[in-house]
Amino acid sequence: MGNLLYLIAVILVIAWAIGFLGYHASGLIHLLLVIALIAVLLRVIRGAAS
């Protein structure tokens, strides 16, 4: 499950970078970036707790 979160986070960050460079759907891409950061933070918190 943890690897899946990292995979999703990486995909979302890449999508954000592409959107940031292309200036398309900027609101949606920034929302995806926030979701990716939350996924990484959850992974770090859960990893530290166990």
N, C-alpha and C. Protein backbone atom coordinates (compact mmCIF):
# COMPACT_ATOMS: atom_id res chain seq x y z
N MET A 1 0.84 -1.21 0.00
CA MET A 1 0.00 0.00 0.00
C MET A 1 0.87 1.25 0.00
N GLY A 2 1.98 1.21 0.74
CA GLY A 2 2.86 2.37 0.81
C GLY A 2 3.49 2.69 -0.53
N ASN A 3 3.90 1.64 -1.27
CA ASN A 3 4.49 1.87 -2.59
C ASN A 3 3.47 2.47 -3.54
N LEU A 4 2.22 2.09 -3.39
CA LEU A 4 1.16 2.63 -4.23
C LEU A 4 1.00 4.13 -3.97
N LEU A 5 1.07 4.54 -2.71
CA LEU A 5 0.96 5.96 -2.38
C LEU A 5 2.12 6.75 -3.00
N TYR A 6 3.32 6.20 -2.92
CA TYR A 6 4.46 6.88 -3.54
C TYR A 6 4.30 6.97 -5.05
N LEU A 7 3.81 5.91 -5.66
CA LEU A 7 3.60 5.90 -7.11
C LEU A 7 2.59 6.97 -7.51
N ILE A 8 1.49 7.04 -6.78
CA ILE A 8 0.46 8.04 -7.06
C ILE A 8 1.03 9.44 -6.86
N ALA A 9 1.80 9.63 -5.79
CA ALA A 9 2.38 10.94 -5.52
C ALA A 9 3.32 11.36 -6.64
N VAL A 10 4.15 10.45 -7.11
CA VAL A 10 5.09 10.77 -8.18
C VAL A 10 4.34 11.11 -9.46
N ILE A 11 3.33 10.35 -9.78
CA ILE A 11 2.53 10.62 -10.98
C ILE A 11 1.86 11.99 -10.88
N LEU A 12 1.33 12.32 -9.72
CA LEU A 12 0.66 13.60 -9.56
C LEU A 12 1.65 14.77 -9.63
N VAL A 13 2.84 14.58 -9.08
CA VAL A 13 3.85 15.65 -9.16
C VAL A 13 4.29 15.85 -10.60
N ILE A 14 4.46 14.76 -11.34
CA ILE A 14 4.81 14.87 -12.75
C ILE A 14 3.70 15.58 -13.52
N ALA A 15 2.45 15.22 -13.24
CA ALA A 15 1.32 15.87 -13.90
C ALA A 15 1.28 17.36 -13.56
N TRP A 16 1.60 17.69 -12.31
CA TRP A 16 1.64 19.09 -11.91
C TRP A 16 2.73 19.84 -12.67
N ALA A 17 3.90 19.22 -12.77
CA ALA A 17 5.01 19.87 -13.47
C ALA A 17 4.67 20.11 -14.94
N ILE A 18 4.05 19.14 -15.56
CA ILE A 18 3.65 19.30 -16.96
C ILE A 18 2.61 20.42 -17.09
N GLY A 19 1.65 20.44 -16.20
CA GLY A 19 0.63 21.48 -16.22
C GLY A 19 1.20 22.85 -15.91
N PHE A 20 2.16 22.89 -14.98
CA PHE A 20 2.78 24.16 -14.62
C PHE A 20 3.56 24.74 -15.80
N LEU A 21 4.24 23.86 -16.52
CA LEU A 21 5.02 24.32 -17.67
C LEU A 21 4.12 24.67 -18.85
N GLY A 22 3.00 23.98 -18.97
CA GLY A 22 2.12 24.20 -20.11
C GLY A 22 1.00 25.19 -19.84
N TYR A 23 0.80 25.58 -18.60
CA TYR A 23 -0.25 26.53 -18.21
C TYR A 23 -1.65 26.06 -18.62
N HIS A 24 -1.88 24.76 -18.60
CA HIS A 24 -3.20 24.23 -18.91
C HIS A 24 -3.81 23.64 -17.64
N ALA A 25 -5.06 23.92 -17.40
CA ALA A 25 -5.80 23.37 -16.25
C ALA A 25 -5.04 23.62 -14.96
N SER A 26 -4.58 24.83 -14.76
CA SER A 26 -3.71 25.12 -13.62
C SER A 26 -4.39 24.85 -12.28
N GLY A 27 -5.66 25.14 -12.16
CA GLY A 27 -6.36 24.89 -10.89
C GLY A 27 -6.40 23.42 -10.57
N LEU A 28 -6.70 22.59 -11.54
CA LEU A 28 -6.77 21.15 -11.33
C LEU A 28 -5.40 20.58 -11.03
N ILE A 29 -4.38 21.02 -11.72
CA ILE A 29 -3.04 20.50 -11.52
C ILE A 29 -2.53 20.85 -10.12
N HIS A 30 -2.80 22.06 -9.65
CA HIS A 30 -2.37 22.43 -8.31
C HIS A 30 -3.13 21.65 -7.25
N LEU A 31 -4.37 21.33 -7.51
CA LEU A 31 -5.12 20.47 -6.61
C LEU A 31 -4.49 19.08 -6.55
N LEU A 32 -4.08 18.56 -7.70
CA LEU A 32 -3.41 17.27 -7.73
C LEU A 32 -2.09 17.31 -6.96
N LEU A 33 -1.38 18.40 -7.03
CA LEU A 33 -0.14 18.54 -6.27
C LEU A 33 -0.41 18.48 -4.77
N VAL A 34 -1.44 19.15 -4.32
CA VAL A 34 -1.80 19.12 -2.90
C VAL A 34 -2.15 17.70 -2.48
N ILE A 35 -2.88 16.97 -3.30
CA ILE A 35 -3.23 15.59 -2.99
C ILE A 35 -1.97 14.73 -2.92
N ALA A 36 -1.03 14.96 -3.82
CA ALA A 36 0.22 14.20 -3.81
C ALA A 36 1.01 14.48 -2.54
N LEU A 37 1.07 15.73 -2.13
CA LEU A 37 1.79 16.07 -0.90
C LEU A 37 1.13 15.44 0.32
N ILE A 38 -0.19 15.41 0.35
CA ILE A 38 -0.90 14.77 1.45
C ILE A 38 -0.59 13.28 1.49
N ALA A 39 -0.56 12.65 0.32
CA ALA A 39 -0.24 11.22 0.26
C ALA A 39 1.16 10.93 0.79
N VAL A 40 2.12 11.78 0.44
CA VAL A 40 3.49 11.60 0.94
C VAL A 40 3.54 11.82 2.45
N LEU A 41 2.87 12.85 2.94
CA LEU A 41 2.86 13.10 4.37
C LEU A 41 2.22 11.96 5.14
N LEU A 42 1.14 11.41 4.63
CA LEU A 42 0.51 10.27 5.28
C LEU A 42 1.46 9.09 5.33
N ARG A 43 2.19 8.86 4.26
CA ARG A 43 3.16 7.75 4.22
C ARG A 43 4.26 7.96 5.26
N VAL A 44 4.75 9.18 5.37
CA VAL A 44 5.81 9.48 6.34
C VAL A 44 5.30 9.32 7.76
N ILE A 45 4.11 9.82 8.02
CA ILE A 45 3.54 9.73 9.38
C ILE A 45 3.27 8.28 9.74
N ARG A 46 2.68 7.52 8.83
CA ARG A 46 2.40 6.11 9.11
C ARG A 46 3.69 5.30 9.22
N GLY A 47 4.71 5.65 8.45
CA GLY A 47 5.99 4.96 8.53
C GLY A 47 6.69 5.23 9.84
N ALA A 48 6.57 6.46 10.35
CA ALA A 48 7.21 6.83 11.61
C ALA A 48 6.48 6.22 12.80
N ALA A 49 5.17 6.02 12.66
CA ALA A 49 4.37 5.48 13.76
C ALA A 49 4.60 3.98 13.93
N SER A 50 4.98 3.28 12.85
CA SER A 50 5.13 1.83 12.99
C SER A 50 6.55 1.38 13.19
